PDB file of N, CA and C in Angstrom:
ATOM      1  N   GLY A   1      -5.246 -13.018   8.986  1.00  0.00           N
ATOM      2  CA  GLY A   1      -6.480 -13.731   9.034  1.00  0.00           C
ATOM      3  C   GLY A   1      -6.638 -14.652   7.846  1.00  0.00           C
ATOM      4  N   LEU A   2      -7.529 -15.568   7.961  1.00  0.00           N
ATOM      5  CA  LEU A   2      -7.845 -16.519   6.901  1.00  0.00           C
ATOM      6  C   LEU A   2      -9.345 -16.475   6.675  1.00  0.00           C
ATOM      7  N   PHE A   3      -9.721 -16.221   5.439  1.00  0.00           N
ATOM      8  CA  PHE A   3     -11.132 -16.181   5.082  1.00  0.00           C
ATOM      9  C   PHE A   3     -11.366 -17.197   3.982  1.00  0.00           C
ATOM     10  N   SER A   4     -12.437 -17.950   4.061  1.00  0.00           N
ATOM     11  CA  SER A   4     -12.720 -18.938   3.032  1.00  0.00           C
ATOM     12  C   SER A   4     -14.219 -19.096   2.856  1.00  0.00           C
ATOM     13  N   ALA A   5     -14.626 -19.180   1.595  1.00  0.00           N
ATOM     14  CA  ALA A   5     -16.028 -19.445   1.296  1.00  0.00           C
ATOM     15  C   ALA A   5     -16.284 -20.940   1.256  1.00  0.00           C
ATOM     16  N   THR A   6     -15.246 -21.719   1.315  1.00  0.00           N
ATOM     17  CA  THR A   6     -15.371 -23.173   1.285  1.00  0.00           C
ATOM     18  C   THR A   6     -14.842 -23.733   2.594  1.00  0.00           C
ATOM     19  N   GLN A   7     -15.368 -24.867   2.996  1.00  0.00           N
ATOM     20  CA  GLN A   7     -14.932 -25.471   4.244  1.00  0.00           C
ATOM     21  C   GLN A   7     -14.681 -26.948   4.007  1.00  0.00           C
ATOM     22  N   THR A   8     -13.435 -27.342   4.068  1.00  0.00           N
ATOM     23  CA  THR A   8     -13.069 -28.742   3.896  1.00  0.00           C
ATOM     24  C   THR A   8     -12.341 -29.221   5.144  1.00  0.00           C
ATOM     25  N   ASP A   9     -12.151 -30.536   5.248  1.00  0.00           N
ATOM     26  CA  ASP A   9     -11.397 -31.085   6.376  1.00  0.00           C
ATOM     27  C   ASP A   9      -9.962 -30.576   6.360  1.00  0.00           C
ATOM     28  N   GLU A  10      -9.395 -30.441   5.159  1.00  0.00           N
ATOM     29  CA  GLU A  10      -8.025 -29.958   5.034  1.00  0.00           C
ATOM     30  C   GLU A  10      -7.904 -28.520   5.527  1.00  0.00           C
ATOM     31  N   LEU A  11      -8.887 -27.708   5.186  1.00  0.00           N
ATOM     32  CA  LEU A  11      -8.872 -26.313   5.630  1.00  0.00           C
ATOM     33  C   LEU A  11      -9.026 -26.238   7.146  1.00  0.00           C
ATOM     34  N   GLU A  12      -9.856 -27.088   7.705  1.00  0.00           N
ATOM     35  CA  GLU A  12     -10.004 -27.148   9.164  1.00  0.00           C
ATOM     36  C   GLU A  12      -8.666 -27.476   9.822  1.00  0.00           C
ATOM     37  N   ALA A  13      -7.926 -28.431   9.244  1.00  0.00           N
ATOM     38  CA  ALA A  13      -6.620 -28.803   9.791  1.00  0.00           C
ATOM     39  C   ALA A  13      -5.650 -27.629   9.712  1.00  0.00           C
ATOM     40  N   LEU A  14      -5.689 -26.895   8.612  1.00  0.00           N
ATOM     41  CA  LEU A  14      -4.833 -25.723   8.449  1.00  0.00           C
ATOM     42  C   LEU A  14      -5.159 -24.673   9.508  1.00  0.00           C
ATOM     43  N   VAL A  15      -6.428 -24.451   9.752  1.00  0.00           N
ATOM     44  CA  VAL A  15      -6.847 -23.475  10.762  1.00  0.00           C
ATOM     45  C   VAL A  15      -6.340 -23.894  12.136  1.00  0.00           C
ATOM     46  N   ARG A  16      -6.519 -25.162  12.481  1.00  0.00           N
ATOM     47  CA  ARG A  16      -6.067 -25.646  13.787  1.00  0.00           C
ATOM     48  C   ARG A  16      -4.559 -25.526  13.935  1.00  0.00           C
ATOM     49  N   ALA A  17      -3.816 -25.781  12.855  1.00  0.00           N
ATOM     50  CA  ALA A  17      -2.361 -25.758  12.921  1.00  0.00           C
ATOM     51  C   ALA A  17      -1.787 -24.345  12.906  1.00  0.00           C
ATOM     52  N   GLY A  18      -2.445 -23.428  12.203  1.00  0.00           N
ATOM     53  CA  GLY A  18      -1.801 -22.148  11.958  1.00  0.00           C
ATOM     54  C   GLY A  18      -2.382 -20.926  12.624  1.00  0.00           C
ATOM     55  N   LEU A  19      -3.547 -21.026  13.226  1.00  0.00           N
ATOM     56  CA  LEU A  19      -4.169 -19.834  13.803  1.00  0.00           C
ATOM     57  C   LEU A  19      -4.363 -19.990  15.302  1.00  0.00           C
ATOM     58  N   ARG A  20      -4.105 -18.913  16.020  1.00  0.00           N
ATOM     59  CA  ARG A  20      -4.379 -18.901  17.454  1.00  0.00           C
ATOM     60  C   ARG A  20      -5.750 -18.287  17.678  1.00  0.00           C
ATOM     61  N   ASN A  21      -6.552 -18.909  18.484  1.00  0.00           N
ATOM     62  CA  ASN A  21      -7.892 -18.416  18.821  1.00  0.00           C
ATOM     63  C   ASN A  21      -8.729 -18.078  17.586  1.00  0.00           C
ATOM     64  N   PRO A  22      -8.878 -19.023  16.655  1.00  0.00           N
ATOM     65  CA  PRO A  22      -9.660 -18.720  15.450  1.00  0.00           C
ATOM     66  C   PRO A  22     -11.134 -18.498  15.784  1.00  0.00           C
ATOM     67  N   VAL A  23     -11.771 -17.670  14.990  1.00  0.00           N
ATOM     68  CA  VAL A  23     -13.199 -17.398  15.132  1.00  0.00           C
ATOM     69  C   VAL A  23     -13.872 -17.849  13.855  1.00  0.00           C
ATOM     70  N   ARG A  24     -14.913 -18.630  13.976  1.00  0.00           N
ATOM     71  CA  ARG A  24     -15.656 -19.101  12.806  1.00  0.00           C
ATOM     72  C   ARG A  24     -16.992 -18.376  12.745  1.00  0.00           C
ATOM     73  N   ILE A  25     -17.273 -17.835  11.579  1.00  0.00           N
ATOM     74  CA  ILE A  25     -18.561 -17.191  11.337  1.00  0.00           C
ATOM     75  C   ILE A  25     -19.237 -17.967  10.224  1.00  0.00           C
ATOM     76  N   THR A  26     -20.403 -18.499  10.505  1.00  0.00           N
ATOM     77  CA  THR A  26     -21.145 -19.274   9.523  1.00  0.00           C
ATOM     78  C   THR A  26     -22.407 -18.511   9.152  1.00  0.00           C
ATOM     79  N   VAL A  27     -22.623 -18.377   7.877  1.00  0.00           N
ATOM     80  CA  VAL A  27     -23.819 -17.700   7.384  1.00  0.00           C
ATOM     81  C   VAL A  27     -24.720 -18.748   6.767  1.00  0.00           C
ATOM     82  N   GLN A  28     -25.946 -18.805   7.235  1.00  0.00           N
ATOM     83  CA  GLN A  28     -26.896 -19.767   6.697  1.00  0.00           C
ATOM     84  C   GLN A  28     -28.082 -19.028   6.112  1.00  0.00           C
ATOM     85  N   GLU A  29     -28.545 -19.532   4.985  1.00  0.00           N
ATOM     86  CA  GLU A  29     -29.719 -18.952   4.350  1.00  0.00           C
ATOM     87  C   GLU A  29     -30.954 -19.646   4.897  1.00  0.00           C
ATOM     88  N   LYS A  30     -31.942 -18.864   5.249  1.00  0.00           N
ATOM     89  CA  LYS A  30     -33.179 -19.432   5.765  1.00  0.00           C
ATOM     90  C   LYS A  30     -33.958 -20.034   4.606  1.00  0.00           C
ATOM     91  N   ASN A  31     -34.285 -21.301   4.728  1.00  0.00           N
ATOM     92  CA  ASN A  31     -35.000 -22.008   3.674  1.00  0.00           C
ATOM     93  C   ASN A  31     -36.205 -22.678   4.322  1.00  0.00           C
ATOM     94  N   ASN A  32     -37.383 -22.186   4.032  1.00  0.00           N
ATOM     95  CA  ASN A  32     -38.600 -22.684   4.683  1.00  0.00           C
ATOM     96  C   ASN A  32     -39.088 -24.015   4.124  1.00  0.00           C
ATOM     97  N   THR A  33     -38.708 -24.373   2.891  1.00  0.00           N
ATOM     98  CA  THR A  33     -39.265 -25.572   2.281  1.00  0.00           C
ATOM     99  C   THR A  33     -38.512 -26.834   2.685  1.00  0.00           C
ATOM    100  N   LYS A  34     -37.219 -26.852   2.512  1.00  0.00           N
ATOM    101  CA  LYS A  34     -36.445 -28.026   2.931  1.00  0.00           C
ATOM    102  C   LYS A  34     -35.000 -27.632   3.152  1.00  0.00           C
ATOM    103  N   LYS A  35     -34.321 -28.442   3.912  1.00  0.00           N
ATOM    104  CA  LYS A  35     -32.919 -28.162   4.207  1.00  0.00           C
ATOM    105  C   LYS A  35     -32.058 -28.540   3.003  1.00  0.00           C
ATOM    106  N   VAL A  36     -31.201 -27.622   2.581  1.00  0.00           N
ATOM    107  CA  VAL A  36     -30.322 -27.848   1.437  1.00  0.00           C
ATOM    108  C   VAL A  36     -28.918 -28.110   1.966  1.00  0.00           C
ATOM    109  N   ASN A  37     -28.338 -29.212   1.552  1.00  0.00           N
ATOM    110  CA  ASN A  37     -26.990 -29.559   1.976  1.00  0.00           C
ATOM    111  C   ASN A  37     -26.037 -29.331   0.809  1.00  0.00           C
ATOM    112  N   GLN A  38     -25.113 -28.399   0.962  1.00  0.00           N
ATOM    113  CA  GLN A  38     -24.147 -28.117  -0.092  1.00  0.00           C
ATOM    114  C   GLN A  38     -22.755 -28.433   0.414  1.00  0.00           C
ATOM    115  N   ARG A  39     -21.979 -29.091  -0.426  1.00  0.00           N
ATOM    116  CA  ARG A  39     -20.608 -29.448  -0.075  1.00  0.00           C
ATOM    117  C   ARG A  39     -19.654 -28.796  -1.059  1.00  0.00           C
ATOM    118  N   THR A  40     -18.423 -28.676  -0.658  1.00  0.00           N
ATOM    119  CA  THR A  40     -17.385 -28.172  -1.541  1.00  0.00           C
ATOM    120  C   THR A  40     -17.147 -29.191  -2.643  1.00  0.00           C
ATOM    121  N   PRO A  41     -17.063 -28.755  -3.903  1.00  0.00           N
ATOM    122  CA  PRO A  41     -16.805 -29.705  -4.995  1.00  0.00           C
ATOM    123  C   PRO A  41     -15.498 -30.464  -4.776  1.00  0.00           C
ATOM    124  N   VAL A  42     -15.502 -31.742  -5.095  1.00  0.00           N
ATOM    125  CA  VAL A  42     -14.328 -32.586  -4.910  1.00  0.00           C
ATOM    126  C   VAL A  42     -13.149 -32.072  -5.729  1.00  0.00           C
ATOM    127  N   SER A  43     -13.425 -31.490  -6.885  1.00  0.00           N
ATOM    128  CA  SER A  43     -12.347 -31.036  -7.765  1.00  0.00           C
ATOM    129  C   SER A  43     -11.715 -29.713  -7.322  1.00  0.00           C
ATOM    130  N   LEU A  44     -12.302 -29.033  -6.338  1.00  0.00           N
ATOM    131  CA  LEU A  44     -11.760 -27.761  -5.871  1.00  0.00           C
ATOM    132  C   LEU A  44     -10.502 -28.003  -5.047  1.00  0.00           C
ATOM    133  N   GLU A  45      -9.455 -27.263  -5.353  1.00  0.00           N
ATOM    134  CA  GLU A  45      -8.194 -27.405  -4.629  1.00  0.00           C
ATOM    135  C   GLU A  45      -7.842 -26.085  -3.965  1.00  0.00           C
ATOM    136  N   ASN A  46      -7.410 -26.144  -2.714  1.00  0.00           N
ATOM    137  CA  ASN A  46      -6.963 -24.962  -1.977  1.00  0.00           C
ATOM    138  C   ASN A  46      -5.460 -25.049  -1.780  1.00  0.00           C
ATOM    139  N   TYR A  47      -4.765 -23.970  -2.091  1.00  0.00           N
ATOM    140  CA  TYR A  47      -3.323 -23.891  -1.885  1.00  0.00           C
ATOM    141  C   TYR A  47      -2.999 -22.575  -1.207  1.00  0.00           C
ATOM    142  N   TYR A  48      -1.891 -22.553  -0.523  1.00  0.00           N
ATOM    143  CA  TYR A  48      -1.384 -21.302   0.013  1.00  0.00           C
ATOM    144  C   TYR A  48       0.136 -21.357   0.006  1.00  0.00           C
ATOM    145  N   LEU A  49       0.753 -20.197  -0.030  1.00  0.00           N
ATOM    146  CA  LEU A  49       2.204 -20.084   0.005  1.00  0.00           C
ATOM    147  C   LEU A  49       2.590 -19.101   1.089  1.00  0.00           C
ATOM    148  N   VAL A  50       3.684 -19.385   1.744  1.00  0.00           N
ATOM    149  CA  VAL A  50       4.266 -18.433   2.676  1.00  0.00           C
ATOM    150  C   VAL A  50       5.526 -17.909   1.997  1.00  0.00           C
ATOM    151  N   VAL A  51       5.525 -16.628   1.665  1.00  0.00           N
ATOM    152  CA  VAL A  51       6.671 -16.027   0.974  1.00  0.00           C
ATOM    153  C   VAL A  51       7.032 -14.711   1.646  1.00  0.00           C
ATOM    154  N   SER A  52       8.260 -14.292   1.428  1.00  0.00           N
ATOM    155  CA  SER A  52       8.695 -13.005   1.975  1.00  0.00           C
ATOM    156  C   SER A  52       8.015 -11.885   1.196  1.00  0.00           C
ATOM    157  N   PRO A  53       7.897 -10.718   1.798  1.00  0.00           N
ATOM    158  CA  PRO A  53       7.281  -9.590   1.086  1.00  0.00           C
ATOM    159  C   PRO A  53       7.960  -9.289  -0.250  1.00  0.00           C
ATOM    160  N   GLU A  54       9.271  -9.479  -0.308  1.00  0.00           N
ATOM    161  CA  GLU A  54      10.006  -9.204  -1.543  1.00  0.00           C
ATOM    162  C   GLU A  54       9.631 -10.166  -2.667  1.00  0.00           C
ATOM    163  N   GLU A  55       9.216 -11.366  -2.312  1.00  0.00           N
ATOM    164  CA  GLU A  55       8.897 -12.402  -3.303  1.00  0.00           C
ATOM    165  C   GLU A  55       7.446 -12.375  -3.780  1.00  0.00           C
ATOM    166  N   LYS A  56       6.578 -11.705  -3.066  1.00  0.00           N
ATOM    167  CA  LYS A  56       5.141 -11.822  -3.326  1.00  0.00           C
ATOM    168  C   LYS A  56       4.754 -11.519  -4.766  1.00  0.00           C
ATOM    169  N   MET A  57       5.232 -10.410  -5.303  1.00  0.00           N
ATOM    170  CA  MET A  57       4.819 -10.009  -6.644  1.00  0.00           C
ATOM    171  C   MET A  57       5.306 -11.000  -7.696  1.00  0.00           C
ATOM    172  N   SER A  58       6.569 -11.392  -7.616  1.00  0.00           N
ATOM    173  CA  SER A  58       7.093 -12.324  -8.624  1.00  0.00           C
ATOM    174  C   SER A  58       6.421 -13.688  -8.524  1.00  0.00           C
ATOM    175  N   ARG A  59       6.135 -14.144  -7.317  1.00  0.00           N
ATOM    176  CA  ARG A  59       5.461 -15.440  -7.156  1.00  0.00           C
ATOM    177  C   ARG A  59       4.035 -15.382  -7.684  1.00  0.00           C
ATOM    178  N   LEU A  60       3.343 -14.271  -7.437  1.00  0.00           N
ATOM    179  CA  LEU A  60       1.982 -14.114  -7.943  1.00  0.00           C
ATOM    180  C   LEU A  60       1.971 -14.145  -9.463  1.00  0.00           C
ATOM    181  N   VAL A  61       2.855 -13.392 -10.085  1.00  0.00           N
ATOM    182  CA  VAL A  61       2.926 -13.365 -11.549  1.00  0.00           C
ATOM    183  C   VAL A  61       3.246 -14.754 -12.081  1.00  0.00           C
ATOM    184  N   SER A  62       4.152 -15.458 -11.437  1.00  0.00           N
ATOM    185  CA  SER A  62       4.511 -16.820 -11.851  1.00  0.00           C
ATOM    186  C   SER A  62       3.305 -17.758 -11.775  1.00  0.00           C
ATOM    187  N   ILE A  63       2.563 -17.686 -10.699  1.00  0.00           N
ATOM    188  CA  ILE A  63       1.373 -18.535 -10.535  1.00  0.00           C
ATOM    189  C   ILE A  63       0.342 -18.220 -11.609  1.00  0.00           C
ATOM    190  N   LEU A  64       0.115 -16.942 -11.859  1.00  0.00           N
ATOM    191  CA  LEU A  64      -0.865 -16.550 -12.875  1.00  0.00           C
ATOM    192  C   LEU A  64      -0.449 -17.026 -14.262  1.00  0.00           C
ATOM    193  N   ARG A  65       0.826 -16.921 -14.589  1.00  0.00           N
ATOM    194  CA  ARG A  65       1.309 -17.370 -15.904  1.00  0.00           C
ATOM    195  C   ARG A  65       1.197 -18.885 -16.063  1.00  0.00           C
ATOM    196  N   LYS A  66       1.521 -19.623 -15.018  1.00  0.00           N
ATOM    197  CA  LYS A  66       1.482 -21.087 -15.084  1.00  0.00           C
ATOM    198  C   LYS A  66       0.057 -21.632 -15.142  1.00  0.00           C
ATOM    199  N   ASN A  67      -0.903 -20.834 -14.731  1.00  0.00           N
ATOM    200  CA  ASN A  67      -2.290 -21.301 -14.647  1.00  0.00           C
ATOM    201  C   ASN A  67      -3.232 -20.485 -15.516  1.00  0.00           C
ATOM    202  N   LYS A  68      -2.750 -20.026 -16.659  1.00  0.00           N
ATOM    203  CA  LYS A  68      -3.551 -19.173 -17.547  1.00  0.00           C
ATOM    204  C   LYS A  68      -4.883 -19.802 -17.927  1.00  0.00           C
ATOM    205  N   GLU A  69      -4.905 -21.093 -18.121  1.00  0.00           N
ATOM    206  CA  GLU A  69      -6.105 -21.777 -18.604  1.00  0.00           C
ATOM    207  C   GLU A  69      -7.037 -22.211 -17.476  1.00  0.00           C
ATOM    208  N   LYS A  70      -6.667 -21.934 -16.244  1.00  0.00           N
ATOM    209  CA  LYS A  70      -7.472 -22.358 -15.105  1.00  0.00           C
ATOM    210  C   LYS A  70      -8.192 -21.173 -14.483  1.00  0.00           C
ATOM    211  N   LYS A  71      -9.215 -21.480 -13.713  1.00  0.00           N
ATOM    212  CA  LYS A  71      -9.914 -20.455 -12.943  1.00  0.00           C
ATOM    213  C   LYS A  71      -9.246 -20.362 -11.574  1.00  0.00           C
ATOM    214  N   LEU A  72      -8.909 -19.153 -11.172  1.00  0.00           N
ATOM    215  CA  LEU A  72      -8.233 -18.940  -9.899  1.00  0.00           C
ATOM    216  C   LEU A  72      -8.978 -17.901  -9.077  1.00  0.00           C
ATOM    217  N   ILE A  73      -8.942 -18.073  -7.781  1.00  0.00           N
ATOM    218  CA  ILE A  73      -9.395 -17.043  -6.854  1.00  0.00           C
ATOM    219  C   ILE A  73      -8.209 -16.751  -5.951  1.00  0.00           C
ATOM    220  N   ILE A  74      -7.816 -15.498  -5.912  1.00  0.00           N
ATOM    221  CA  ILE A  74      -6.687 -15.096  -5.081  1.00  0.00           C
ATOM    222  C   ILE A  74      -7.203 -14.078  -4.077  1.00  0.00           C
ATOM    223  N   PHE A  75      -6.922 -14.307  -2.808  1.00  0.00           N
ATOM    224  CA  PHE A  75      -7.392 -13.429  -1.750  1.00  0.00           C
ATOM    225  C   PHE A  75      -6.286 -12.464  -1.342  1.00  0.00           C
ATOM    226  N   PHE A  76      -6.669 -11.225  -1.092  1.00  0.00           N
ATOM    227  CA  PHE A  76      -5.738 -10.199  -0.641  1.00  0.00           C
ATOM    228  C   PHE A  76      -6.209  -9.665   0.701  1.00  0.00           C
ATOM    229  N   SER A  77      -5.286  -9.104   1.450  1.00  0.00           N
ATOM    230  CA  SER A  77      -5.613  -8.680   2.813  1.00  0.00           C
ATOM    231  C   SER A  77      -6.409  -7.386   2.886  1.00  0.00           C
ATOM    232  N   THR A  78      -6.281  -6.520   1.883  1.00  0.00           N
ATOM    233  CA  THR A  78      -7.006  -5.246   1.927  1.00  0.00           C
ATOM    234  C   THR A  78      -7.529  -4.874   0.546  1.00  0.00           C
ATOM    235  N   CYS A  79      -8.494  -3.980   0.523  1.00  0.00           N
ATOM    236  CA  CYS A  79      -9.001  -3.451  -0.754  1.00  0.00           C
ATOM    237  C   CYS A  79      -7.917  -2.663  -1.471  1.00  0.00           C
ATOM    238  N   ALA A  80      -7.059  -1.983  -0.718  1.00  0.00           N
ATOM    239  CA  ALA A  80      -5.963  -1.225  -1.326  1.00  0.00           C
ATOM    240  C   ALA A  80      -5.021  -2.156  -2.084  1.00  0.00           C
ATOM    241  N   CYS A  81      -4.759  -3.342  -1.545  1.00  0.00           N
ATOM    242  CA  CYS A  81      -3.916  -4.328  -2.245  1.00  0.00           C
ATOM    243  C   CYS A  81      -4.573  -4.760  -3.551  1.00  0.00           C
ATOM    244  N   VAL A  82      -5.861  -4.982  -3.512  1.00  0.00           N
ATOM    245  CA  VAL A  82      -6.597  -5.382  -4.718  1.00  0.00           C
ATOM    246  C   VAL A  82      -6.495  -4.291  -5.773  1.00  0.00           C
ATOM    247  N   ASP A  83      -6.724  -3.046  -5.379  1.00  0.00           N
ATOM    248  CA  ASP A  83      -6.651  -1.926  -6.325  1.00  0.00           C
ATOM    249  C   ASP A  83      -5.258  -1.799  -6.926  1.00  0.00           C
ATOM    250  N   TYR A  84      -4.235  -1.891  -6.095  1.00  0.00           N
ATOM    251  CA  TYR A  84      -2.854  -1.772  -6.560  1.00  0.00           C
ATOM    252  C   TYR A  84      -2.517  -2.879  -7.556  1.00  0.00           C
ATOM    253  N   LEU A  85      -2.841  -4.108  -7.197  1.00  0.00           N
ATOM    254  CA  LEU A  85      -2.495  -5.235  -8.067  1.00  0.00           C
ATOM    255  C   LEU A  85      -3.325  -5.253  -9.341  1.00  0.00           C
ATOM    256  N   ALA A  86      -4.532  -4.758  -9.289  1.00  0.00           N
ATOM    257  CA  ALA A  86      -5.341  -4.663 -10.513  1.00  0.00           C
ATOM    258  C   ALA A  86      -4.664  -3.747 -11.518  1.00  0.00           C
ATOM    259  N   VAL A  87      -4.130  -2.631 -11.053  1.00  0.00           N
ATOM    260  CA  VAL A  87      -3.411  -1.704 -11.939  1.00  0.00           C
ATOM    261  C   VAL A  87      -2.105  -2.335 -12.406  1.00  0.00           C
ATOM    262  N   PHE A  88      -1.376  -2.955 -11.494  1.00  0.00           N
ATOM    263  CA  PHE A  88      -0.086  -3.563 -11.815  1.00  0.00           C
ATOM    264  C   PHE A  88      -0.215  -4.680 -12.849  1.00  0.00           C
ATOM    265  N   LEU A  89      -1.250  -5.495 -12.731  1.00  0.00           N
ATOM    266  CA  LEU A  89      -1.383  -6.674 -13.592  1.00  0.00           C
ATOM    267  C   LEU A  89      -2.006  -6.382 -14.950  1.00  0.00           C
ATOM    268  N   LYS A  90      -2.527  -5.184 -15.152  1.00  0.00           N
ATOM    269  CA  LYS A  90      -3.133  -4.863 -16.454  1.00  0.00           C
ATOM    270  C   LYS A  90      -2.120  -4.782 -17.495  1.00  0.00           C
TER     271      LYS A  90
END
């Protein structure tokens, strides 16, 4: 699956190209005073890699080392993966 808190044209193209029967869930906040329009910041960049299971850990460590000074969000498929990698990366 693919989950994203941001929605860009590029991400839409990725969804169309890579997912069969995608489901979109949109959450909207009720705002009684006026409609608020929020867009993804222009400077935000989305990347993804397709790697073999054997490569995942080394590629993740490489990405983290190369981007020490940047803010990163990395998504994992399960809470167990998050827990495991949190211990591994400490």
